[in-house]
Amino acid sequence: MCLFCKIIKKEIPSEIILENENFLAFHDINPKAPVHILAIPKLHIEGFDVVSPEIMVGMTTFIQDIAKEVDIQKAGYRVITNIGDNGGQEVKHLHFHVLGGAKLKWSHLSDSNPKKFL
């Protein structure tokens, strides 16, 4: 069973922000912004490349509800999902990072040379 499935089953503690019958949102244990929440479906789905449009409809509304719950919807926020090894996906359970609470930068890309990858 994956890490996020264990969190869903409450076998591993987490600081839950929002939950409904299909989705769960909790604070990331290694935050990259003042607000860093993970939003996951309760159904185990390995990643974005295999998720159904029906799940994404619900996830979209759920992420919007998270932004309202933590009061970042007006100031702005970022939603990120990593796909596969090259995309940086560490946990093979679909999840979205919801980051906010400050003016966010792309510092991890600032020294990248895109020509190196072409």
N, C-alpha and C. Protein backbone atom coordinates (compact mmCIF):
# COMPACT_ATOMS: atom_id res chain seq x y z
N MET A 1 0.86 -1.19 0.00
CA MET A 1 0.00 0.00 0.00
C MET A 1 0.90 1.24 0.00
N CYS A 2 0.54 2.23 -0.81
CA CYS A 2 1.38 3.43 -0.92
C CYS A 2 1.19 4.35 0.29
N LEU A 3 2.12 5.26 0.43
CA LEU A 3 2.12 6.21 1.55
C LEU A 3 0.81 6.98 1.64
N PHE A 4 0.31 7.50 0.52
CA PHE A 4 -0.91 8.31 0.55
C PHE A 4 -2.13 7.46 0.86
N CYS A 5 -2.15 6.22 0.42
CA CYS A 5 -3.26 5.33 0.77
C CYS A 5 -3.29 5.09 2.28
N LYS A 6 -2.11 5.00 2.90
CA LYS A 6 -2.04 4.85 4.35
C LYS A 6 -2.54 6.11 5.07
N ILE A 7 -2.25 7.27 4.50
CA ILE A 7 -2.77 8.53 5.08
C ILE A 7 -4.29 8.57 4.95
N ILE A 8 -4.82 8.15 3.81
CA ILE A 8 -6.27 8.12 3.60
C ILE A 8 -6.93 7.22 4.64
N LYS A 9 -6.31 6.07 4.92
CA LYS A 9 -6.87 5.11 5.89
C LYS A 9 -6.57 5.50 7.33
N LYS A 10 -5.89 6.65 7.52
CA LYS A 10 -5.55 7.18 8.85
C LYS A 10 -4.56 6.27 9.58
N GLU A 11 -3.80 5.49 8.82
CA GLU A 11 -2.74 4.66 9.40
C GLU A 11 -1.49 5.48 9.67
N ILE A 12 -1.35 6.59 8.93
CA ILE A 12 -0.27 7.54 9.13
C ILE A 12 -0.92 8.88 9.42
N PRO A 13 -0.49 9.56 10.49
CA PRO A 13 -1.12 10.85 10.81
C PRO A 13 -0.77 11.93 9.80
N SER A 14 -1.68 12.87 9.62
CA SER A 14 -1.46 14.03 8.77
C SER A 14 -2.29 15.18 9.31
N GLU A 15 -1.90 16.37 8.92
CA GLU A 15 -2.66 17.56 9.32
C GLU A 15 -3.66 17.86 8.21
N ILE A 16 -4.86 17.34 8.37
CA ILE A 16 -5.90 17.45 7.34
C ILE A 16 -6.48 18.86 7.31
N ILE A 17 -6.60 19.37 6.11
CA ILE A 17 -7.18 20.69 5.87
C ILE A 17 -8.62 20.58 5.41
N LEU A 18 -8.88 19.62 4.52
CA LEU A 18 -10.21 19.47 3.94
C LEU A 18 -10.37 18.02 3.51
N GLU A 19 -11.59 17.51 3.63
CA GLU A 19 -11.86 16.14 3.24
C GLU A 19 -13.31 16.01 2.83
N ASN A 20 -13.53 15.19 1.80
CA ASN A 20 -14.88 14.80 1.45
C ASN A 20 -14.85 13.32 1.08
N GLU A 21 -15.90 12.78 0.52
CA GLU A 21 -15.94 11.35 0.28
C GLU A 21 -14.95 10.90 -0.80
N ASN A 22 -14.51 11.82 -1.66
CA ASN A 22 -13.62 11.44 -2.77
C ASN A 22 -12.19 11.94 -2.68
N PHE A 23 -11.96 12.99 -1.88
CA PHE A 23 -10.65 13.65 -1.87
C PHE A 23 -10.21 13.99 -0.46
N LEU A 24 -8.91 14.17 -0.32
CA LEU A 24 -8.31 14.54 0.97
C LEU A 24 -7.23 15.58 0.71
N ALA A 25 -7.14 16.57 1.59
CA ALA A 25 -6.11 17.60 1.50
C ALA A 25 -5.43 17.72 2.86
N PHE A 26 -4.09 17.76 2.83
CA PHE A 26 -3.33 17.85 4.07
C PHE A 26 -2.04 18.62 3.82
N HIS A 27 -1.46 19.13 4.91
CA HIS A 27 -0.21 19.88 4.80
C HIS A 27 0.94 18.97 4.37
N ASP A 28 1.77 19.48 3.47
CA ASP A 28 2.98 18.77 3.07
C ASP A 28 3.97 18.81 4.25
N ILE A 29 4.64 17.69 4.51
CA ILE A 29 5.58 17.65 5.64
C ILE A 29 6.90 18.34 5.31
N ASN A 30 7.12 18.67 4.05
CA ASN A 30 8.33 19.38 3.63
C ASN A 30 7.93 20.58 2.78
N PRO A 31 7.33 21.61 3.41
CA PRO A 31 6.74 22.72 2.64
C PRO A 31 7.76 23.53 1.86
N LYS A 32 7.33 23.95 0.67
CA LYS A 32 8.14 24.79 -0.21
C LYS A 32 7.58 26.21 -0.30
N ALA A 33 6.54 26.50 0.46
CA ALA A 33 5.91 27.81 0.50
C ALA A 33 5.22 27.94 1.86
N PRO A 34 4.85 29.16 2.26
CA PRO A 34 4.13 29.30 3.53
C PRO A 34 2.88 28.44 3.61
N VAL A 35 2.19 28.29 2.49
CA VAL A 35 1.07 27.36 2.40
C VAL A 35 1.47 26.30 1.38
N HIS A 36 1.52 25.05 1.82
CA HIS A 36 1.86 23.95 0.91
C HIS A 36 1.01 22.75 1.30
N ILE A 37 -0.03 22.53 0.51
CA ILE A 37 -1.02 21.49 0.79
C ILE A 37 -1.01 20.48 -0.34
N LEU A 38 -1.17 19.22 0.01
CA LEU A 38 -1.31 18.17 -0.99
C LEU A 38 -2.77 17.79 -1.10
N ALA A 39 -3.27 17.73 -2.32
CA ALA A 39 -4.64 17.32 -2.60
C ALA A 39 -4.58 15.99 -3.35
N ILE A 40 -5.28 14.97 -2.82
CA ILE A 40 -5.22 13.64 -3.41
C ILE A 40 -6.62 13.04 -3.54
N PRO A 41 -6.80 12.19 -4.56
CA PRO A 41 -8.04 11.42 -4.60
C PRO A 41 -7.93 10.26 -3.61
N LYS A 42 -9.04 9.87 -3.03
CA LYS A 42 -9.03 8.72 -2.12
C LYS A 42 -8.89 7.41 -2.88
N LEU A 43 -9.28 7.40 -4.12
CA LEU A 43 -9.09 6.25 -4.99
C LEU A 43 -7.62 6.25 -5.43
N HIS A 44 -6.95 5.11 -5.32
CA HIS A 44 -5.55 5.06 -5.75
C HIS A 44 -5.47 5.16 -7.27
N ILE A 45 -4.86 6.25 -7.72
CA ILE A 45 -4.60 6.50 -9.15
C ILE A 45 -3.12 6.83 -9.22
N GLU A 46 -2.39 6.12 -10.05
CA GLU A 46 -0.93 6.25 -10.03
C GLU A 46 -0.45 7.64 -10.41
N GLY A 47 -1.07 8.29 -11.37
CA GLY A 47 -0.59 9.61 -11.77
C GLY A 47 -1.55 10.31 -12.72
N PHE A 48 -1.18 11.53 -13.08
CA PHE A 48 -2.01 12.37 -13.93
C PHE A 48 -2.23 11.77 -15.30
N ASP A 49 -1.25 11.04 -15.81
CA ASP A 49 -1.36 10.50 -17.15
C ASP A 49 -2.39 9.38 -17.28
N VAL A 50 -2.92 8.90 -16.16
CA VAL A 50 -3.94 7.84 -16.21
C VAL A 50 -5.24 8.22 -15.51
N VAL A 51 -5.37 9.45 -15.07
CA VAL A 51 -6.58 9.87 -14.36
C VAL A 51 -7.70 10.14 -15.36
N SER A 52 -8.93 9.85 -14.95
CA SER A 52 -10.08 10.10 -15.83
C SER A 52 -10.51 11.56 -15.74
N PRO A 53 -11.13 12.05 -16.80
CA PRO A 53 -11.67 13.41 -16.76
C PRO A 53 -12.70 13.59 -15.64
N GLU A 54 -13.46 12.54 -15.33
CA GLU A 54 -14.48 12.64 -14.28
C GLU A 54 -13.85 12.91 -12.91
N ILE A 55 -12.74 12.25 -12.62
CA ILE A 55 -12.03 12.51 -11.36
C ILE A 55 -11.51 13.94 -11.35
N MET A 56 -10.98 14.40 -12.49
CA MET A 56 -10.42 15.75 -12.55
C MET A 56 -11.47 16.83 -12.36
N VAL A 57 -12.69 16.58 -12.79
CA VAL A 57 -13.77 17.55 -12.55
C VAL A 57 -13.93 17.76 -11.04
N GLY A 58 -13.99 16.67 -10.31
CA GLY A 58 -14.13 16.77 -8.85
C GLY A 58 -12.89 17.35 -8.20
N MET A 59 -11.72 16.99 -8.70
CA MET A 59 -10.46 17.51 -8.14
C MET A 59 -10.37 19.02 -8.33
N THR A 60 -10.81 19.51 -9.48
CA THR A 60 -10.77 20.94 -9.74
C THR A 60 -11.57 21.71 -8.70
N THR A 61 -12.77 21.29 -8.46
CA THR A 61 -13.62 21.94 -7.46
C THR A 61 -13.01 21.81 -6.07
N PHE A 62 -12.46 20.64 -5.77
CA PHE A 62 -11.85 20.41 -4.46
C PHE A 62 -10.65 21.34 -4.24
N ILE A 63 -9.80 21.51 -5.23
CA ILE A 63 -8.66 22.41 -5.10
C ILE A 63 -9.13 23.85 -4.93
N GLN A 64 -10.16 24.25 -5.64
CA GLN A 64 -10.71 25.60 -5.45
C GLN A 64 -11.23 25.78 -4.03
N ASP A 65 -11.84 24.74 -3.48
CA ASP A 65 -12.33 24.79 -2.10
C ASP A 65 -11.17 24.88 -1.10
N ILE A 66 -10.07 24.20 -1.39
CA ILE A 66 -8.88 24.30 -0.53
C ILE A 66 -8.39 25.74 -0.49
N ALA A 67 -8.28 26.36 -1.66
CA ALA A 67 -7.80 27.74 -1.74
C ALA A 67 -8.67 28.68 -0.91
N LYS A 68 -9.97 28.46 -0.94
CA LYS A 68 -10.87 29.27 -0.11
C LYS A 68 -10.68 28.96 1.37
N GLU A 69 -10.54 27.68 1.70
CA GLU A 69 -10.40 27.25 3.10
C GLU A 69 -9.18 27.87 3.77
N VAL A 70 -8.07 27.98 3.02
CA VAL A 70 -6.83 28.53 3.61
C VAL A 70 -6.60 29.98 3.19
N ASP A 71 -7.61 30.59 2.57
CA ASP A 71 -7.63 32.01 2.24
C ASP A 71 -6.47 32.46 1.34
N ILE A 72 -6.25 31.71 0.25
CA ILE A 72 -5.23 32.12 -0.72
C ILE A 72 -5.84 32.40 -2.10
N GLN A 73 -7.15 32.22 -2.24
CA GLN A 73 -7.77 32.33 -3.56
C GLN A 73 -7.66 33.73 -4.14
N LYS A 74 -7.73 34.77 -3.34
CA LYS A 74 -7.68 36.14 -3.88
C LYS A 74 -6.26 36.59 -4.19
N ALA A 75 -5.31 36.23 -3.33
CA ALA A 75 -3.92 36.65 -3.55
C ALA A 75 -3.24 35.84 -4.64
N GLY A 76 -3.69 34.61 -4.84
CA GLY A 76 -3.12 33.76 -5.88
C GLY A 76 -2.37 32.58 -5.30
N TYR A 77 -2.26 31.55 -6.12
CA TYR A 77 -1.60 30.32 -5.69
C TYR A 77 -1.18 29.53 -6.91
N ARG A 78 -0.41 28.50 -6.67
CA ARG A 78 0.09 27.64 -7.74
C ARG A 78 -0.37 26.22 -7.48
N VAL A 79 -0.74 25.51 -8.56
CA VAL A 79 -1.12 24.10 -8.48
C VAL A 79 -0.17 23.33 -9.39
N ILE A 80 0.49 22.34 -8.81
CA ILE A 80 1.50 21.56 -9.54
C ILE A 80 1.24 20.08 -9.33
N THR A 81 1.41 19.30 -10.38
CA THR A 81 1.47 17.86 -10.25
C THR A 81 2.71 17.38 -11.00
N ASN A 82 3.40 16.44 -10.43
CA ASN A 82 4.58 15.85 -11.04
C ASN A 82 4.19 14.50 -11.63
N ILE A 83 4.69 14.21 -12.83
CA ILE A 83 4.29 13.01 -13.54
C ILE A 83 5.53 12.18 -13.88
N GLY A 84 5.61 10.99 -13.32
CA GLY A 84 6.71 10.08 -13.61
C GLY A 84 8.03 10.51 -13.02
N ASP A 85 9.03 9.68 -13.24
CA ASP A 85 10.35 9.92 -12.66
C ASP A 85 10.99 11.21 -13.15
N ASN A 86 10.96 11.45 -14.45
CA ASN A 86 11.57 12.68 -14.99
C ASN A 86 10.82 13.93 -14.57
N GLY A 87 9.54 13.79 -14.25
CA GLY A 87 8.75 14.92 -13.79
C GLY A 87 8.88 15.16 -12.29
N GLY A 88 9.59 14.29 -11.59
CA GLY A 88 9.82 14.47 -10.16
C GLY A 88 8.78 13.82 -9.26
N GLN A 89 7.96 12.93 -9.79
CA GLN A 89 6.93 12.28 -8.97
C GLN A 89 7.60 11.26 -8.03
N GLU A 90 7.51 11.52 -6.73
CA GLU A 90 8.13 10.64 -5.74
C GLU A 90 7.16 9.61 -5.19
N VAL A 91 5.90 9.99 -5.03
CA VAL A 91 4.87 9.07 -4.55
C VAL A 91 3.97 8.74 -5.73
N LYS A 92 3.85 7.47 -6.04
CA LYS A 92 3.07 7.03 -7.20
C LYS A 92 1.58 6.94 -6.85
N HIS A 93 1.04 8.07 -6.44
CA HIS A 93 -0.39 8.26 -6.17
C HIS A 93 -0.66 9.69 -6.61
N LEU A 94 -1.61 9.88 -7.50
CA LEU A 94 -1.90 11.21 -8.02
C LEU A 94 -2.03 12.21 -6.88
N HIS A 95 -1.30 13.30 -6.98
CA HIS A 95 -1.42 14.37 -5.98
C HIS A 95 -1.07 15.71 -6.61
N PHE A 96 -1.69 16.72 -6.07
CA PHE A 96 -1.48 18.09 -6.52
C PHE A 96 -0.94 18.90 -5.36
N HIS A 97 0.12 19.65 -5.63
CA HIS A 97 0.68 20.57 -4.65
C HIS A 97 -0.06 21.90 -4.82
N VAL A 98 -0.62 22.42 -3.75
CA VAL A 98 -1.27 23.72 -3.75
C VAL A 98 -0.38 24.63 -2.91
N LEU A 99 0.27 25.58 -3.56
CA LEU A 99 1.24 26.45 -2.89
C LEU A 99 0.78 27.89 -2.93
N GLY A 100 0.99 28.60 -1.84
CA GLY A 100 0.60 30.00 -1.78
C GLY A 100 1.12 30.65 -0.51
N GLY A 101 0.56 31.80 -0.22
CA GLY A 101 0.93 32.51 1.00
C GLY A 101 2.09 33.47 0.82
N ALA A 102 2.62 33.57 -0.40
CA ALA A 102 3.73 34.47 -0.70
C ALA A 102 3.83 34.61 -2.21
N LYS A 103 4.61 35.59 -2.67
CA LYS A 103 4.90 35.73 -4.09
C LYS A 103 5.85 34.59 -4.46
N LEU A 104 5.37 33.67 -5.28
CA LEU A 104 6.14 32.47 -5.60
C LEU A 104 7.06 32.71 -6.79
N LYS A 105 8.24 32.13 -6.73
CA LYS A 105 9.23 32.24 -7.80
C LYS A 105 9.45 30.87 -8.41
N TRP A 106 10.18 30.84 -9.49
CA TRP A 106 10.57 29.59 -10.15
C TRP A 106 12.08 29.41 -9.97
N SER A 107 12.57 29.61 -8.78
CA SER A 107 14.02 29.60 -8.54
C SER A 107 14.67 28.28 -8.91
N HIS A 108 13.97 27.18 -8.79
CA HIS A 108 14.57 25.89 -9.13
C HIS A 108 14.85 25.77 -10.63
N LEU A 109 14.27 26.64 -11.43
CA LEU A 109 14.51 26.62 -12.88
C LEU A 109 15.44 27.74 -13.33
N SER A 110 15.79 28.64 -12.42
CA SER A 110 16.52 29.84 -12.83
C SER A 110 17.89 29.55 -13.41
N ASP A 111 18.52 28.45 -13.03
CA ASP A 111 19.85 28.14 -13.54
C ASP A 111 19.82 27.02 -14.59
N SER A 112 18.64 26.64 -15.02
CA SER A 112 18.52 25.57 -16.01
C SER A 112 18.83 26.11 -17.40
N ASN A 113 19.50 25.31 -18.19
CA ASN A 113 19.80 25.65 -19.57
C ASN A 113 18.95 24.75 -20.46
N PRO A 114 17.83 25.28 -21.02
CA PRO A 114 16.95 24.43 -21.80
C PRO A 114 17.63 23.80 -23.01
N LYS A 115 18.65 24.44 -23.57
CA LYS A 115 19.35 23.88 -24.73
C LYS A 115 20.03 22.57 -24.37
N LYS A 116 20.37 22.40 -23.11
CA LYS A 116 21.02 21.18 -22.64
C LYS A 116 20.10 19.96 -22.86
N PHE A 117 18.79 20.19 -22.87
CA PHE A 117 17.82 19.10 -22.98
C PHE A 117 17.26 18.92 -24.39
N LEU A 118 17.69 19.75 -25.34
CA LEU A 118 17.16 19.67 -26.71
C LEU A 118 18.02 18.79 -27.59
